[in-house]
C-alpha cells in the first residue's frame, strides 16, 4: 500500500503541475484575445465640431479632446482632421484656457493636410496677436464641465486676410 500511496501522490503531483502549466497556457489565450479586443475596440469618439465662418463651414472630428484645471484656470486641448468649405482636408489644433494669464486661446486650421504636425497652406490662425492686429477683442473661452465654447474668433492667414467666425464654436469633450 505504501507504493500505491507514493504512486498516487506522484500522479496527483503530476496532475497539479500539469494543470498549472495547462492553466498558464490557457490564461495566455484569453490574454491574447483581450489584447486583440482592445486593439479592435472602437476609438473614443467625440462629437464633431463645425466652425461657421464668413467663407463657409469648416468641420472636424476631434481625435483628442481634453479639459482640465491648471493654476486655477480650465485649460483645454483639442485637435482633429476635417474638411474645409471647399471640401479640402483640414487639421484643426486648439489650445487655450478660460481665464487669467493663460486665457489666450490659440486656434489653427491647417488647410490641405489631414494629420497633426503637418502644416497646410494657408494656416488660418486665431489668437490674441491676430485680434490685436485687426484691432478687435481677443476671443473668449468659457468652459462648463467638458464643454468649451469659443466666442469672438477671428482668423488670419497672413496678417492681412481675415476670416470671421459667425457665432460661437462649441466643443464637447465628453465621452
C-alpha atoms as a PDB file:
ATOM      1  CA  UNK A   1       0.000   0.000   0.000  1.00  0.00           C
ATOM      2  CA  UNK A   2       2.907   2.310   0.594  1.00  0.00           C
ATOM      3  CA  UNK A   3       3.952   2.015  -3.047  1.00  0.00           C
ATOM      4  CA  UNK A   4       0.439   2.790  -4.263  1.00  0.00           C
ATOM      5  CA  UNK A   5       0.197   5.774  -1.881  1.00  0.00           C
ATOM      6  CA  UNK A   6       3.502   7.098  -3.183  1.00  0.00           C
ATOM      7  CA  UNK A   7       2.371   6.369  -6.746  1.00  0.00           C
ATOM      8  CA  UNK A   8      -0.909   8.174  -6.112  1.00  0.00           C
ATOM      9  CA  UNK A   9       0.993  11.128  -4.675  1.00  0.00           C
ATOM     10  CA  UNK A  10       3.225  11.247  -7.752  1.00  0.00           C
ATOM     11  CA  UNK A  11       0.196  11.070 -10.064  1.00  0.00           C
ATOM     12  CA  UNK A  12      -1.585  13.783  -8.053  1.00  0.00           C
ATOM     13  CA  UNK A  13       1.528  15.977  -8.128  1.00  0.00           C
ATOM     14  CA  UNK A  14       1.811  15.458 -11.881  1.00  0.00           C
ATOM     15  CA  UNK A  15      -1.805  16.479 -12.363  1.00  0.00           C
ATOM     16  CA  UNK A  16      -1.335  19.603 -10.242  1.00  0.00           C
ATOM     17  CA  UNK A  17       1.888  20.553 -12.001  1.00  0.00           C
ATOM     18  CA  UNK A  18       0.485  19.686 -15.423  1.00  0.00           C
ATOM     19  CA  UNK A  19      -2.735  21.512 -14.569  1.00  0.00           C
ATOM     20  CA  UNK A  20      -0.687  24.550 -13.591  1.00  0.00           C
ATOM     21  CA  UNK A  21       1.080  24.500 -16.937  1.00  0.00           C
ATOM     22  CA  UNK A  22      -2.176  23.989 -18.749  1.00  0.00           C
ATOM     23  CA  UNK A  23      -3.780  26.869 -16.894  1.00  0.00           C
ATOM     24  CA  UNK A  24      -0.819  29.087 -17.727  1.00  0.00           C
ATOM     25  CA  UNK A  25      -1.186  28.173 -21.375  1.00  0.00           C
ATOM     26  CA  UNK A  26      -4.945  28.581 -21.077  1.00  0.00           C
ATOM     27  CA  UNK A  27      -4.584  32.028 -19.498  1.00  0.00           C
ATOM     28  CA  UNK A  28      -2.347  33.158 -22.367  1.00  0.00           C
ATOM     29  CA  UNK A  29      -5.162  32.594 -24.837  1.00  0.00           C
ATOM     30  CA  UNK A  30      -7.586  34.901 -23.009  1.00  0.00           C
ATOM     31  CA  UNK A  31      -4.791  37.483 -22.576  1.00  0.00           C
ATOM     32  CA  UNK A  32      -4.144  37.429 -26.328  1.00  0.00           C
ATOM     33  CA  UNK A  33      -7.876  37.620 -27.004  1.00  0.00           C
ATOM     34  CA  UNK A  34      -8.211  40.533 -24.572  1.00  0.00           C
ATOM     35  CA  UNK A  35      -5.307  42.369 -26.220  1.00  0.00           C
ATOM     36  CA  UNK A  36      -6.852  41.812 -29.657  1.00  0.00           C
ATOM     37  CA  UNK A  37     -10.238  43.012 -28.399  1.00  0.00           C
ATOM     38  CA  UNK A  38      -8.616  46.185 -27.015  1.00  0.00           C
ATOM     39  CA  UNK A  39      -6.845  46.725 -30.346  1.00  0.00           C
ATOM     40  CA  UNK A  40     -10.083  46.321 -32.271  1.00  0.00           C
ATOM     41  CA  UNK A  41     -12.228  48.270 -29.803  1.00  0.00           C
ATOM     42  CA  UNK A  42     -13.678  51.410 -31.323  1.00  0.00           C
ATOM     43  CA  UNK A  43     -11.677  54.507 -30.534  1.00  0.00           C
ATOM     44  CA  UNK A  44     -13.236  57.041 -28.220  1.00  0.00           C
ATOM     45  CA  UNK A  45     -15.162  59.438 -30.389  1.00  0.00           C
ATOM     46  CA  UNK A  46     -16.115  62.960 -29.520  1.00  0.00           C
ATOM     47  CA  UNK A  47     -18.953  64.918 -31.126  1.00  0.00           C
ATOM     48  CA  UNK A  48     -17.988  66.590 -34.390  1.00  0.00           C
ATOM     49  CA  UNK A  49     -17.331  70.349 -34.425  1.00  0.00           C
ATOM     50  CA  UNK A  50     -18.472  72.884 -37.021  1.00  0.00           C
ATOM     51  CA  UNK A  51     -16.842  76.301 -37.329  1.00  0.00           C
ATOM     52  CA  UNK A  52     -19.195  78.634 -39.228  1.00  0.00           C
ATOM     53  CA  UNK A  53     -17.179  81.383 -40.961  1.00  0.00           C
ATOM     54  CA  UNK A  54     -17.948  84.123 -43.447  1.00  0.00           C
ATOM     55  CA  UNK A  55     -16.201  81.902 -46.065  1.00  0.00           C
ATOM     56  CA  UNK A  56     -18.237  78.767 -45.265  1.00  0.00           C
ATOM     57  CA  UNK A  57     -18.079  75.882 -42.803  1.00  0.00           C
ATOM     58  CA  UNK A  58     -15.003  74.119 -41.512  1.00  0.00           C
ATOM     59  CA  UNK A  59     -15.894  70.862 -39.794  1.00  0.00           C
ATOM     60  CA  UNK A  60     -13.690  68.429 -37.936  1.00  0.00           C
ATOM     61  CA  UNK A  61     -13.799  65.312 -35.806  1.00  0.00           C
ATOM     62  CA  UNK A  62     -11.706  65.665 -32.626  1.00  0.00           C
ATOM     63  CA  UNK A  63      -9.135  62.876 -32.392  1.00  0.00           C
ATOM     64  CA  UNK A  64      -8.206  64.211 -28.964  1.00  0.00           C
ATOM     65  CA  UNK A  65     -10.271  66.426 -26.706  1.00  0.00           C
ATOM     66  CA  UNK A  66      -9.367  67.195 -23.108  1.00  0.00           C
ATOM     67  CA  UNK A  67     -10.343  69.692 -20.437  1.00  0.00           C
ATOM     68  CA  UNK A  68      -8.597  70.049 -17.088  1.00  0.00           C
ATOM     69  CA  UNK A  69      -7.597  72.508 -14.407  1.00  0.00           C
ATOM     70  CA  UNK A  70      -4.206  74.185 -14.174  1.00  0.00           C
ATOM     71  CA  UNK A  71      -3.292  77.112 -11.904  1.00  0.00           C
ATOM     72  CA  UNK A  72      -6.962  77.864 -11.233  1.00  0.00           C
ATOM     73  CA  UNK A  73      -7.933  78.005 -14.911  1.00  0.00           C
ATOM     74  CA  UNK A  74      -9.784  75.495 -17.031  1.00  0.00           C
ATOM     75  CA  UNK A  75      -7.350  74.503 -19.799  1.00  0.00           C
ATOM     76  CA  UNK A  76      -8.250  72.602 -22.949  1.00  0.00           C
ATOM     77  CA  UNK A  77      -6.607  70.941 -25.911  1.00  0.00           C
ATOM     78  CA  UNK A  78      -8.493  69.756 -28.979  1.00  0.00           C
ATOM     79  CA  UNK A  79      -7.271  68.534 -32.339  1.00  0.00           C
ATOM     80  CA  UNK A  80      -8.532  66.504 -35.252  1.00  0.00           C
ATOM     81  CA  UNK A  81      -8.968  66.149 -39.014  1.00  0.00           C
ATOM     82  CA  UNK A  82     -11.835  67.555 -41.049  1.00  0.00           C
ATOM     83  CA  UNK A  83     -12.892  69.382 -44.194  1.00  0.00           C
ATOM     84  CA  UNK A  84     -12.970  72.997 -45.287  1.00  0.00           C
ATOM     85  CA  UNK A  85     -15.783  74.819 -47.114  1.00  0.00           C
ATOM     86  CA  UNK A  86     -14.330  73.691 -50.456  1.00  0.00           C
ATOM     87  CA  UNK A  87     -14.056  70.035 -49.389  1.00  0.00           C
ATOM     88  CA  UNK A  88     -10.267  70.136 -48.957  1.00  0.00           C
ATOM     89  CA  UNK A  89      -8.850  68.337 -45.923  1.00  0.00           C
ATOM     90  CA  UNK A  90      -8.007  70.405 -42.862  1.00  0.00           C
ATOM     91  CA  UNK A  91      -6.456  69.696 -39.499  1.00  0.00           C
ATOM     92  CA  UNK A  92      -7.572  71.781 -36.527  1.00  0.00           C
ATOM     93  CA  UNK A  93      -5.453  72.432 -33.401  1.00  0.00           C
ATOM     94  CA  UNK A  94      -6.862  74.334 -30.418  1.00  0.00           C
ATOM     95  CA  UNK A  95      -5.087  75.063 -27.127  1.00  0.00           C
ATOM     96  CA  UNK A  96      -6.253  77.502 -24.503  1.00  0.00           C
ATOM     97  CA  UNK A  97      -7.619  78.395 -21.125  1.00  0.00           C
ATOM     98  CA  UNK A  98     -10.739  80.146 -19.920  1.00  0.00           C
ATOM     99  CA  UNK A  99      -9.216  82.900 -17.744  1.00  0.00           C
ATOM    100  CA  UNK A 100      -6.235  84.629 -16.207  1.00  0.00           C
ATOM    101  CA  UNK A 101      -2.775  84.938 -17.722  1.00  0.00           C
ATOM    102  CA  UNK A 102      -3.284  81.648 -19.558  1.00  0.00           C
ATOM    103  CA  UNK A 103      -6.576  82.896 -21.026  1.00  0.00           C
ATOM    104  CA  UNK A 104      -5.292  83.259 -24.582  1.00  0.00           C
ATOM    105  CA  UNK A 105      -6.620  80.630 -26.960  1.00  0.00           C
ATOM    106  CA  UNK A 106      -4.560  79.568 -29.967  1.00  0.00           C
ATOM    107  CA  UNK A 107      -6.678  78.060 -32.726  1.00  0.00           C
ATOM    108  CA  UNK A 108      -5.196  76.908 -36.051  1.00  0.00           C
ATOM    109  CA  UNK A 109      -6.789  75.440 -39.148  1.00  0.00           C
ATOM    110  CA  UNK A 110      -4.179  73.860 -41.407  1.00  0.00           C
ATOM    111  CA  UNK A 111      -5.669  73.646 -44.924  1.00  0.00           C
ATOM    112  CA  UNK A 112      -4.683  70.798 -47.251  1.00  0.00           C
ATOM    113  CA  UNK A 113      -3.500  68.359 -44.569  1.00  0.00           C
ATOM    114  CA  UNK A 114      -5.271  65.640 -42.622  1.00  0.00           C
ATOM    115  CA  UNK A 115      -2.775  64.813 -39.858  1.00  0.00           C
ATOM    116  CA  UNK A 116      -1.296  66.505 -36.831  1.00  0.00           C
ATOM    117  CA  UNK A 117       2.116  68.206 -37.055  1.00  0.00           C
ATOM    118  CA  UNK A 118       1.751  68.877 -40.771  1.00  0.00           C
ATOM    119  CA  UNK A 119       1.485  72.471 -41.872  1.00  0.00           C
ATOM    120  CA  UNK A 120      -1.039  73.394 -44.504  1.00  0.00           C
ATOM    121  CA  UNK A 121      -1.218  76.331 -46.807  1.00  0.00           C
ATOM    122  CA  UNK A 122      -2.793  78.507 -45.653  1.00  0.00           C
ATOM    123  CA  UNK A 123      -2.762  78.063 -41.911  1.00  0.00           C
ATOM    124  CA  UNK A 124      -5.639  80.100 -40.511  1.00  0.00           C
ATOM    125  CA  UNK A 125      -4.589  81.310 -37.060  1.00  0.00           C
ATOM    126  CA  UNK A 126      -6.640  82.875 -34.281  1.00  0.00           C
ATOM    127  CA  UNK A 127      -5.036  84.178 -31.096  1.00  0.00           C
ATOM    128  CA  UNK A 128      -4.615  87.461 -29.224  1.00  0.00           C
ATOM    129  CA  UNK A 129      -1.900  88.685 -31.628  1.00  0.00           C
ATOM    130  CA  UNK A 130      -4.218  88.239 -34.627  1.00  0.00           C
ATOM    131  CA  UNK A 131      -7.050  90.004 -32.799  1.00  0.00           C
ATOM    132  CA  UNK A 132      -4.733  92.844 -31.815  1.00  0.00           C
ATOM    133  CA  UNK A 133      -3.601  93.198 -35.439  1.00  0.00           C
ATOM    134  CA  UNK A 134      -7.225  93.677 -36.515  1.00  0.00           C
ATOM    135  CA  UNK A 135      -7.983  95.905 -33.513  1.00  0.00           C
ATOM    136  CA  UNK A 136     -10.733  93.575 -32.273  1.00  0.00           C
ATOM    137  CA  UNK A 137     -11.123  91.946 -28.853  1.00  0.00           C
ATOM    138  CA  UNK A 138      -9.431  88.569 -28.418  1.00  0.00           C
ATOM    139  CA  UNK A 139     -11.666  85.531 -28.499  1.00  0.00           C
ATOM    140  CA  UNK A 140     -13.219  84.479 -25.210  1.00  0.00           C
ATOM    141  CA  UNK A 141     -13.262  80.904 -23.976  1.00  0.00           C
ATOM    142  CA  UNK A 142     -15.708  79.557 -21.436  1.00  0.00           C
ATOM    143  CA  UNK A 143     -15.636  76.056 -20.026  1.00  0.00           C
ATOM    144  CA  UNK A 144     -18.583  74.289 -18.445  1.00  0.00           C
ATOM    145  CA  UNK A 145     -17.672  70.755 -17.404  1.00  0.00           C
ATOM    146  CA  UNK A 146     -16.353  69.072 -20.557  1.00  0.00           C
ATOM    147  CA  UNK A 147     -17.799  71.662 -22.949  1.00  0.00           C
ATOM    148  CA  UNK A 148     -15.684  74.511 -24.347  1.00  0.00           C
ATOM    149  CA  UNK A 149     -17.347  77.497 -26.033  1.00  0.00           C
ATOM    150  CA  UNK A 150     -15.212  79.966 -28.025  1.00  0.00           C
ATOM    151  CA  UNK A 151     -16.725  83.346 -28.925  1.00  0.00           C
ATOM    152  CA  UNK A 152     -15.417  86.250 -30.995  1.00  0.00           C
ATOM    153  CA  UNK A 153     -12.985  84.155 -33.036  1.00  0.00           C
ATOM    154  CA  UNK A 154     -11.193  85.924 -35.905  1.00  0.00           C
ATOM    155  CA  UNK A 155      -8.625  84.136 -38.096  1.00  0.00           C
ATOM    156  CA  UNK A 156      -5.858  85.398 -40.340  1.00  0.00           C
ATOM    157  CA  UNK A 157      -3.509  83.516 -42.652  1.00  0.00           C
ATOM    158  CA  UNK A 158      -1.024  86.293 -43.307  1.00  0.00           C
ATOM    159  CA  UNK A 159      -1.864  89.285 -41.105  1.00  0.00           C
ATOM    160  CA  UNK A 160      -3.940  90.911 -43.860  1.00  0.00           C
ATOM    161  CA  UNK A 161      -6.537  88.305 -44.808  1.00  0.00           C
ATOM    162  CA  UNK A 162      -9.379  87.959 -42.350  1.00  0.00           C
ATOM    163  CA  UNK A 163     -11.784  85.117 -41.677  1.00  0.00           C
ATOM    164  CA  UNK A 164     -14.574  85.862 -39.175  1.00  0.00           C
ATOM    165  CA  UNK A 165     -16.324  83.108 -37.257  1.00  0.00           C
ATOM    166  CA  UNK A 166     -20.069  83.585 -37.153  1.00  0.00           C
ATOM    167  CA  UNK A 167     -21.353  82.666 -33.713  1.00  0.00           C
ATOM    168  CA  UNK A 168     -19.636  80.645 -31.017  1.00  0.00           C
ATOM    169  CA  UNK A 169     -17.677  77.442 -31.607  1.00  0.00           C
ATOM    170  CA  UNK A 170     -18.945  74.692 -29.298  1.00  0.00           C
ATOM    171  CA  UNK A 171     -16.660  71.741 -28.496  1.00  0.00           C
ATOM    172  CA  UNK A 172     -17.977  68.858 -26.404  1.00  0.00           C
ATOM    173  CA  UNK A 173     -15.161  66.778 -24.874  1.00  0.00           C
ATOM    174  CA  UNK A 174     -17.484  64.406 -23.026  1.00  0.00           C
ATOM    175  CA  UNK A 175     -17.358  60.750 -23.995  1.00  0.00           C
END
